[in-house]
Amino acid sequence: MKPKLPKLVLIEWLDSCSIEHWHDDKPDTEPLACRSVGWLVHDGKRAKTIAAHMSDDDPPQRSGEMTIPVVCITKITRIRTK
């Protein structure tokens, strides 16, 4: 029997943006809107962590983790799996 996996989610969030080189253009005035998909392996009050890859091992191994501060998250949508 395969282990139960965490929820699969789409997280929409706002990120900082930066310019690395000298320039005289107008500065960015809005945060960068991002979307990330992954298995919700940590559902904390201050941060959410998703993993892009999960194995069928028991317990599952995971790779490609990303932690997003809750204050940056604008929306979380559960993706239904079979």
PDB file of N, CA and C in Angstrom:
ATOM      1  N   MET A   1       0.836  -1.183   0.000  1.00  0.00           N
ATOM      2  CA  MET A   1       0.000   0.000   0.000  1.00  0.00           C
ATOM      3  C   MET A   1       0.884   1.250   0.000  1.00  0.00           C
ATOM      4  N   LYS A   2       0.544   2.200  -0.873  1.00  0.00           N
ATOM      5  CA  LYS A   2       1.308   3.437  -0.952  1.00  0.00           C
ATOM      6  C   LYS A   2       0.990   4.333   0.244  1.00  0.00           C
ATOM      7  N   PRO A   3       1.993   5.083   0.720  1.00  0.00           N
ATOM      8  CA  PRO A   3       1.724   6.002   1.838  1.00  0.00           C
ATOM      9  C   PRO A   3       0.810   7.144   1.388  1.00  0.00           C
ATOM     10  N   LYS A   4       0.058   7.699   2.327  1.00  0.00           N
ATOM     11  CA  LYS A   4      -0.801   8.842   2.021  1.00  0.00           C
ATOM     12  C   LYS A   4       0.077  10.076   1.800  1.00  0.00           C
ATOM     13  N   LEU A   5      -0.148  10.752   0.681  1.00  0.00           N
ATOM     14  CA  LEU A   5       0.631  11.946   0.364  1.00  0.00           C
ATOM     15  C   LEU A   5      -0.068  13.190   0.903  1.00  0.00           C
ATOM     16  N   PRO A   6       0.700  14.264   1.149  1.00  0.00           N
ATOM     17  CA  PRO A   6       0.078  15.525   1.566  1.00  0.00           C
ATOM     18  C   PRO A   6      -0.782  16.097   0.430  1.00  0.00           C
ATOM     19  N   LYS A   7      -1.501  17.177   0.713  1.00  0.00           N
ATOM     20  CA  LYS A   7      -2.314  17.850  -0.308  1.00  0.00           C
ATOM     21  C   LYS A   7      -1.410  18.401  -1.416  1.00  0.00           C
ATOM     22  N   LEU A   8      -1.878  18.315  -2.645  1.00  0.00           N
ATOM     23  CA  LEU A   8      -1.220  18.963  -3.777  1.00  0.00           C
ATOM     24  C   LEU A   8      -1.878  20.326  -3.944  1.00  0.00           C
ATOM     25  N   VAL A   9      -1.082  21.403  -3.978  1.00  0.00           N
ATOM     26  CA  VAL A   9      -1.642  22.757  -3.999  1.00  0.00           C
ATOM     27  C   VAL A   9      -0.959  23.652  -5.032  1.00  0.00           C
ATOM     28  N   LEU A  10      -1.715  24.658  -5.446  1.00  0.00           N
ATOM     29  CA  LEU A  10      -1.189  25.780  -6.225  1.00  0.00           C
ATOM     30  C   LEU A  10      -1.168  26.963  -5.280  1.00  0.00           C
ATOM     31  N   ILE A  11       0.006  27.558  -5.076  1.00  0.00           N
ATOM     32  CA  ILE A  11       0.126  28.738  -4.209  1.00  0.00           C
ATOM     33  C   ILE A  11       0.445  29.948  -5.082  1.00  0.00           C
ATOM     34  N   GLU A  12      -0.377  30.983  -4.942  1.00  0.00           N
ATOM     35  CA  GLU A  12      -0.121  32.254  -5.612  1.00  0.00           C
ATOM     36  C   GLU A  12       0.444  33.199  -4.565  1.00  0.00           C
ATOM     37  N   TRP A  13       1.558  33.852  -4.891  1.00  0.00           N
ATOM     38  CA  TRP A  13       2.256  34.642  -3.885  1.00  0.00           C
ATOM     39  C   TRP A  13       3.011  35.794  -4.523  1.00  0.00           C
ATOM     40  N   LEU A  14       3.382  36.758  -3.705  1.00  0.00           N
ATOM     41  CA  LEU A  14       4.113  37.942  -4.158  1.00  0.00           C
ATOM     42  C   LEU A  14       5.551  37.858  -3.688  1.00  0.00           C
ATOM     43  N   ASP A  15       6.461  38.139  -4.605  1.00  0.00           N
ATOM     44  CA  ASP A  15       7.894  38.059  -4.311  1.00  0.00           C
ATOM     45  C   ASP A  15       8.549  39.419  -4.505  1.00  0.00           C
ATOM     46  N   SER A  16       9.673  39.596  -3.865  1.00  0.00           N
ATOM     47  CA  SER A  16      10.496  40.780  -4.107  1.00  0.00           C
ATOM     48  C   SER A  16      11.122  40.658  -5.486  1.00  0.00           C
ATOM     49  N   CYS A  17      11.487  41.775  -6.073  1.00  0.00           N
ATOM     50  CA  CYS A  17      12.209  41.718  -7.342  1.00  0.00           C
ATOM     51  C   CYS A  17      13.378  42.690  -7.254  1.00  0.00           C
ATOM     52  N   SER A  18      14.418  42.393  -8.005  1.00  0.00           N
ATOM     53  CA  SER A  18      15.613  43.233  -7.961  1.00  0.00           C
ATOM     54  C   SER A  18      16.229  43.350  -9.349  1.00  0.00           C
ATOM     55  N   ILE A  19      17.026  44.389  -9.516  1.00  0.00           N
ATOM     56  CA  ILE A  19      17.782  44.593 -10.748  1.00  0.00           C
ATOM     57  C   ILE A  19      19.249  44.605 -10.343  1.00  0.00           C
ATOM     58  N   GLU A  20      20.042  43.783 -11.008  1.00  0.00           N
ATOM     59  CA  GLU A  20      21.429  43.593 -10.600  1.00  0.00           C
ATOM     60  C   GLU A  20      22.417  44.581 -11.216  1.00  0.00           C
ATOM     61  N   HIS A  21      22.028  45.281 -12.244  1.00  0.00           N
ATOM     62  CA  HIS A  21      22.987  46.125 -12.964  1.00  0.00           C
ATOM     63  C   HIS A  21      22.606  47.608 -12.851  1.00  0.00           C
ATOM     64  N   TRP A  22      23.536  48.468 -13.219  1.00  0.00           N
ATOM     65  CA  TRP A  22      23.277  49.899 -13.229  1.00  0.00           C
ATOM     66  C   TRP A  22      22.234  50.200 -14.298  1.00  0.00           C
ATOM     67  N   HIS A  23      21.338  51.125 -14.002  1.00  0.00           N
ATOM     68  CA  HIS A  23      20.330  51.503 -14.991  1.00  0.00           C
ATOM     69  C   HIS A  23      19.736  52.852 -14.617  1.00  0.00           C
ATOM     70  N   ASP A  24      19.042  53.458 -15.577  1.00  0.00           N
ATOM     71  CA  ASP A  24      18.364  54.721 -15.294  1.00  0.00           C
ATOM     72  C   ASP A  24      16.874  54.649 -15.643  1.00  0.00           C
ATOM     73  N   ASP A  25      16.352  53.417 -15.725  1.00  0.00           N
ATOM     74  CA  ASP A  25      14.925  53.220 -15.963  1.00  0.00           C
ATOM     75  C   ASP A  25      14.145  53.541 -14.692  1.00  0.00           C
ATOM     76  N   LYS A  26      12.820  53.557 -14.829  1.00  0.00           N
ATOM     77  CA  LYS A  26      11.971  53.730 -13.661  1.00  0.00           C
ATOM     78  C   LYS A  26      12.109  52.502 -12.765  1.00  0.00           C
ATOM     79  N   PRO A  27      12.053  52.688 -11.443  1.00  0.00           N
ATOM     80  CA  PRO A  27      12.156  51.540 -10.540  1.00  0.00           C
ATOM     81  C   PRO A  27      10.881  50.690 -10.580  1.00  0.00           C
ATOM     82  N   ASP A  28      11.032  49.421 -10.271  1.00  0.00           N
ATOM     83  CA  ASP A  28       9.863  48.565 -10.104  1.00  0.00           C
ATOM     84  C   ASP A  28       9.077  49.078  -8.911  1.00  0.00           C
ATOM     85  N   THR A  29       7.775  49.157  -9.071  1.00  0.00           N
ATOM     86  CA  THR A  29       6.949  49.651  -7.975  1.00  0.00           C
ATOM     87  C   THR A  29       5.956  48.606  -7.461  1.00  0.00           C
ATOM     88  N   GLU A  30       5.940  47.450  -8.066  1.00  0.00           N
ATOM     89  CA  GLU A  30       5.040  46.376  -7.660  1.00  0.00           C
ATOM     90  C   GLU A  30       5.832  45.099  -7.411  1.00  0.00           C
ATOM     91  N   PRO A  31       5.399  44.284  -6.459  1.00  0.00           N
ATOM     92  CA  PRO A  31       6.058  42.998  -6.253  1.00  0.00           C
ATOM     93  C   PRO A  31       5.784  42.077  -7.453  1.00  0.00           C
ATOM     94  N   LEU A  32       6.581  41.046  -7.565  1.00  0.00           N
ATOM     95  CA  LEU A  32       6.474  40.093  -8.653  1.00  0.00           C
ATOM     96  C   LEU A  32       5.452  39.015  -8.290  1.00  0.00           C
ATOM     97  N   ALA A  33       4.394  38.869  -9.092  1.00  0.00           N
ATOM     98  CA  ALA A  33       3.371  37.841  -8.847  1.00  0.00           C
ATOM     99  C   ALA A  33       3.902  36.494  -9.326  1.00  0.00           C
ATOM    100  N   CYS A  34       3.822  35.483  -8.466  1.00  0.00           N
ATOM    101  CA  CYS A  34       4.351  34.153  -8.766  1.00  0.00           C
ATOM    102  C   CYS A  34       3.303  33.091  -8.482  1.00  0.00           C
ATOM    103  N   ARG A  35       3.477  31.920  -9.108  1.00  0.00           N
ATOM    104  CA  ARG A  35       2.633  30.755  -8.846  1.00  0.00           C
ATOM    105  C   ARG A  35       3.543  29.553  -8.722  1.00  0.00           C
ATOM    106  N   SER A  36       3.300  28.728  -7.711  1.00  0.00           N
ATOM    107  CA  SER A  36       4.087  27.519  -7.479  1.00  0.00           C
ATOM    108  C   SER A  36       3.145  26.362  -7.159  1.00  0.00           C
ATOM    109  N   VAL A  37       3.495  25.168  -7.659  1.00  0.00           N
ATOM    110  CA  VAL A  37       2.703  23.965  -7.412  1.00  0.00           C
ATOM    111  C   VAL A  37       3.567  22.956  -6.679  1.00  0.00           C
ATOM    112  N   GLY A  38       2.993  22.277  -5.681  1.00  0.00           N
ATOM    113  CA  GLY A  38       3.746  21.241  -4.973  1.00  0.00           C
ATOM    114  C   GLY A  38       2.918  20.584  -3.892  1.00  0.00           C
ATOM    115  N   TRP A  39       3.512  19.574  -3.294  1.00  0.00           N
ATOM    116  CA  TRP A  39       2.896  18.858  -2.170  1.00  0.00           C
ATOM    117  C   TRP A  39       3.101  19.689  -0.912  1.00  0.00           C
ATOM    118  N   LEU A  40       2.035  19.986  -0.186  1.00  0.00           N
ATOM    119  CA  LEU A  40       2.102  20.836   1.006  1.00  0.00           C
ATOM    120  C   LEU A  40       2.639  20.012   2.176  1.00  0.00           C
ATOM    121  N   VAL A  41       3.962  20.084   2.394  1.00  0.00           N
ATOM    122  CA  VAL A  41       4.605  19.273   3.430  1.00  0.00           C
ATOM    123  C   VAL A  41       4.687  19.988   4.777  1.00  0.00           C
ATOM    124  N   HIS A  42       4.453  21.308   4.786  1.00  0.00           N
ATOM    125  CA  HIS A  42       4.379  22.060   6.047  1.00  0.00           C
ATOM    126  C   HIS A  42       3.328  23.153   5.881  1.00  0.00           C
ATOM    127  N   ASP A  43       2.330  23.142   6.762  1.00  0.00           N
ATOM    128  CA  ASP A  43       1.226  24.097   6.707  1.00  0.00           C
ATOM    129  C   ASP A  43       1.215  24.919   7.987  1.00  0.00           C
ATOM    130  N   GLY A  44       2.246  25.755   8.147  1.00  0.00           N
ATOM    131  CA  GLY A  44       2.403  26.522   9.374  1.00  0.00           C
ATOM    132  C   GLY A  44       1.680  27.849   9.361  1.00  0.00           C
ATOM    133  N   LYS A  45       1.652  28.503  10.524  1.00  0.00           N
ATOM    134  CA  LYS A  45       1.022  29.819  10.650  1.00  0.00           C
ATOM    135  C   LYS A  45       1.863  30.920  10.012  1.00  0.00           C
ATOM    136  N   ARG A  46       3.186  30.741  10.002  1.00  0.00           N
ATOM    137  CA  ARG A  46       4.085  31.769   9.465  1.00  0.00           C
ATOM    138  C   ARG A  46       4.622  31.454   8.083  1.00  0.00           C
ATOM    139  N   ALA A  47       4.604  30.155   7.708  1.00  0.00           N
ATOM    140  CA  ALA A  47       5.150  29.766   6.405  1.00  0.00           C
ATOM    141  C   ALA A  47       4.515  28.460   5.929  1.00  0.00           C
ATOM    142  N   LYS A  48       4.482  28.288   4.618  1.00  0.00           N
ATOM    143  CA  LYS A  48       4.024  27.057   3.980  1.00  0.00           C
ATOM    144  C   LYS A  48       5.207  26.509   3.192  1.00  0.00           C
ATOM    145  N   THR A  49       5.417  25.189   3.261  1.00  0.00           N
ATOM    146  CA  THR A  49       6.492  24.561   2.492  1.00  0.00           C
ATOM    147  C   THR A  49       5.878  23.550   1.541  1.00  0.00           C
ATOM    148  N   ILE A  50       6.256  23.673   0.264  1.00  0.00           N
ATOM    149  CA  ILE A  50       5.818  22.709  -0.734  1.00  0.00           C
ATOM    150  C   ILE A  50       7.033  21.964  -1.268  1.00  0.00           C
ATOM    151  N   ALA A  51       6.792  20.724  -1.687  1.00  0.00           N
ATOM    152  CA  ALA A  51       7.838  19.905  -2.300  1.00  0.00           C
ATOM    153  C   ALA A  51       7.386  19.568  -3.715  1.00  0.00           C
ATOM    154  N   ALA A  52       8.262  19.782  -4.679  1.00  0.00           N
ATOM    155  CA  ALA A  52       7.924  19.518  -6.080  1.00  0.00           C
ATOM    156  C   ALA A  52       7.873  18.029  -6.393  1.00  0.00           C
ATOM    157  N   HIS A  53       8.636  17.235  -5.655  1.00  0.00           N
ATOM    158  CA  HIS A  53       8.751  15.808  -5.969  1.00  0.00           C
ATOM    159  C   HIS A  53       8.580  14.975  -4.697  1.00  0.00           C
ATOM    160  N   MET A  54       7.806  13.880  -4.816  1.00  0.00           N
ATOM    161  CA  MET A  54       7.582  12.964  -3.695  1.00  0.00           C
ATOM    162  C   MET A  54       7.723  11.533  -4.202  1.00  0.00           C
ATOM    163  N   SER A  55       8.390  10.689  -3.427  1.00  0.00           N
ATOM    164  CA  SER A  55       8.544   9.281  -3.796  1.00  0.00           C
ATOM    165  C   SER A  55       7.395   8.453  -3.229  1.00  0.00           C
ATOM    166  N   ASP A  56       7.306   7.194  -3.632  1.00  0.00           N
ATOM    167  CA  ASP A  56       6.303   6.270  -3.098  1.00  0.00           C
ATOM    168  C   ASP A  56       6.820   5.514  -1.880  1.00  0.00           C
ATOM    169  N   ASP A  57       8.002   5.862  -1.370  1.00  0.00           N
ATOM    170  CA  ASP A  57       8.555   5.206  -0.181  1.00  0.00           C
ATOM    171  C   ASP A  57       7.689   5.500   1.038  1.00  0.00           C
ATOM    172  N   ASP A  58       7.891   4.718   2.087  1.00  0.00           N
ATOM    173  CA  ASP A  58       7.180   4.938   3.337  1.00  0.00           C
ATOM    174  C   ASP A  58       8.196   5.081   4.461  1.00  0.00           C
ATOM    175  N   PRO A  59       8.492   6.278   4.973  1.00  0.00           N
ATOM    176  CA  PRO A  59       7.890   7.546   4.610  1.00  0.00           C
ATOM    177  C   PRO A  59       8.427   8.052   3.266  1.00  0.00           C
ATOM    178  N   PRO A  60       7.652   8.914   2.567  1.00  0.00           N
ATOM    179  CA  PRO A  60       8.082   9.416   1.257  1.00  0.00           C
ATOM    180  C   PRO A  60       9.352  10.266   1.364  1.00  0.00           C
ATOM    181  N   GLN A  61      10.215  10.133   0.370  1.00  0.00           N
ATOM    182  CA  GLN A  61      11.326  11.056   0.220  1.00  0.00           C
ATOM    183  C   GLN A  61      10.806  12.224  -0.623  1.00  0.00           C
ATOM    184  N   ARG A  62      11.403  13.391  -0.431  1.00  0.00           N
ATOM    185  CA  ARG A  62      10.964  14.555  -1.193  1.00  0.00           C
ATOM    186  C   ARG A  62      12.155  15.379  -1.660  1.00  0.00           C
ATOM    187  N   SER A  63      11.912  16.168  -2.696  1.00  0.00           N
ATOM    188  CA  SER A  63      12.962  17.000  -3.279  1.00  0.00           C
ATOM    189  C   SER A  63      12.326  18.275  -3.829  1.00  0.00           C
ATOM    190  N   GLY A  64      13.131  19.289  -3.989  1.00  0.00           N
ATOM    191  CA  GLY A  64      12.649  20.546  -4.568  1.00  0.00           C
ATOM    192  C   GLY A  64      11.727  21.311  -3.635  1.00  0.00           C
ATOM    193  N   GLU A  65      12.097  21.374  -2.359  1.00  0.00           N
ATOM    194  CA  GLU A  65      11.253  22.090  -1.396  1.00  0.00           C
ATOM    195  C   GLU A  65      11.416  23.602  -1.510  1.00  0.00           C
ATOM    196  N   MET A  66      10.314  24.288  -1.237  1.00  0.00           N
ATOM    197  CA  MET A  66      10.319  25.753  -1.222  1.00  0.00           C
ATOM    198  C   MET A  66       9.430  26.216  -0.076  1.00  0.00           C
ATOM    199  N   THR A  67       9.923  27.152   0.735  1.00  0.00           N
ATOM    200  CA  THR A  67       9.160  27.708   1.840  1.00  0.00           C
ATOM    201  C   THR A  67       8.754  29.134   1.486  1.00  0.00           C
ATOM    202  N   ILE A  68       7.460  29.410   1.621  1.00  0.00           N
ATOM    203  CA  ILE A  68       6.903  30.720   1.261  1.00  0.00           C
ATOM    204  C   ILE A  68       6.290  31.336   2.523  1.00  0.00           C
ATOM    205  N   PRO A  69       6.699  32.556   2.899  1.00  0.00           N
ATOM    206  CA  PRO A  69       6.088  33.208   4.058  1.00  0.00           C
ATOM    207  C   PRO A  69       4.592  33.442   3.833  1.00  0.00           C
ATOM    208  N   VAL A  70       3.784  33.204   4.839  1.00  0.00           N
ATOM    209  CA  VAL A  70       2.333  33.368   4.739  1.00  0.00           C
ATOM    210  C   VAL A  70       1.965  34.796   4.341  1.00  0.00           C
ATOM    211  N   VAL A  71       2.717  35.790   4.817  1.00  0.00           N
ATOM    212  CA  VAL A  71       2.392  37.188   4.495  1.00  0.00           C
ATOM    213  C   VAL A  71       2.512  37.478   2.997  1.00  0.00           C
ATOM    214  N   CYS A  72       3.199  36.622   2.252  1.00  0.00           N
ATOM    215  CA  CYS A  72       3.357  36.803   0.805  1.00  0.00           C
ATOM    216  C   CYS A  72       2.293  36.071  -0.008  1.00  0.00           C
ATOM    217  N   ILE A  73       1.554  35.157   0.629  1.00  0.00           N
ATOM    218  CA  ILE A  73       0.602  34.317  -0.091  1.00  0.00           C
ATOM    219  C   ILE A  73      -0.711  35.071  -0.309  1.00  0.00           C
ATOM    220  N   THR A  74      -1.174  35.069  -1.571  1.00  0.00           N
ATOM    221  CA  THR A  74      -2.442  35.711  -1.901  1.00  0.00           C
ATOM    222  C   THR A  74      -3.567  34.699  -2.083  1.00  0.00           C
ATOM    223  N   LYS A  75      -3.223  33.452  -2.422  1.00  0.00           N
ATOM    224  CA  LYS A  75      -4.256  32.435  -2.642  1.00  0.00           C
ATOM    225  C   LYS A  75      -3.635  31.045  -2.627  1.00  0.00           C
ATOM    226  N   ILE A  76      -4.361  30.080  -2.062  1.00  0.00           N
ATOM    227  CA  ILE A  76      -3.963  28.669  -2.117  1.00  0.00           C
ATOM    228  C   ILE A  76      -5.153  27.888  -2.663  1.00  0.00           C
ATOM    229  N   THR A  77      -4.883  27.090  -3.708  1.00  0.00           N
ATOM    230  CA  THR A  77      -5.921  26.283  -4.328  1.00  0.00           C
ATOM    231  C   THR A  77      -5.493  24.819  -4.260  1.00  0.00           C
ATOM    232  N   ARG A  78      -6.353  23.972  -3.725  1.00  0.00           N
ATOM    233  CA  ARG A  78      -6.041  22.531  -3.679  1.00  0.00           C
ATOM    234  C   ARG A  78      -6.240  21.943  -5.066  1.00  0.00           C
ATOM    235  N   ILE A  79      -5.312  21.101  -5.472  1.00  0.00           N
ATOM    236  CA  ILE A  79      -5.403  20.383  -6.738  1.00  0.00           C
ATOM    237  C   ILE A  79      -5.828  18.966  -6.411  1.00  0.00           C
ATOM    238  N   ARG A  80      -6.938  18.559  -6.945  1.00  0.00           N
ATOM    239  CA  ARG A  80      -7.470  17.216  -6.663  1.00  0.00           C
ATOM    240  C   ARG A  80      -6.647  16.167  -7.388  1.00  0.00           C
ATOM    241  N   THR A  81      -6.341  15.078  -6.689  1.00  0.00           N
ATOM    242  CA  THR A  81      -5.625  13.934  -7.270  1.00  0.00           C
ATOM    243  C   THR A  81      -6.528  12.710  -7.173  1.00  0.00           C
ATOM    244  N   LYS A  82      -6.167  11.710  -7.911  1.00  0.00           N
ATOM    245  CA  LYS A  82      -6.965  10.468  -7.890  1.00  0.00           C
ATOM    246  C   LYS A  82      -6.828   9.747  -6.589  1.00  0.00           C
TER     247      LYS A  82
END
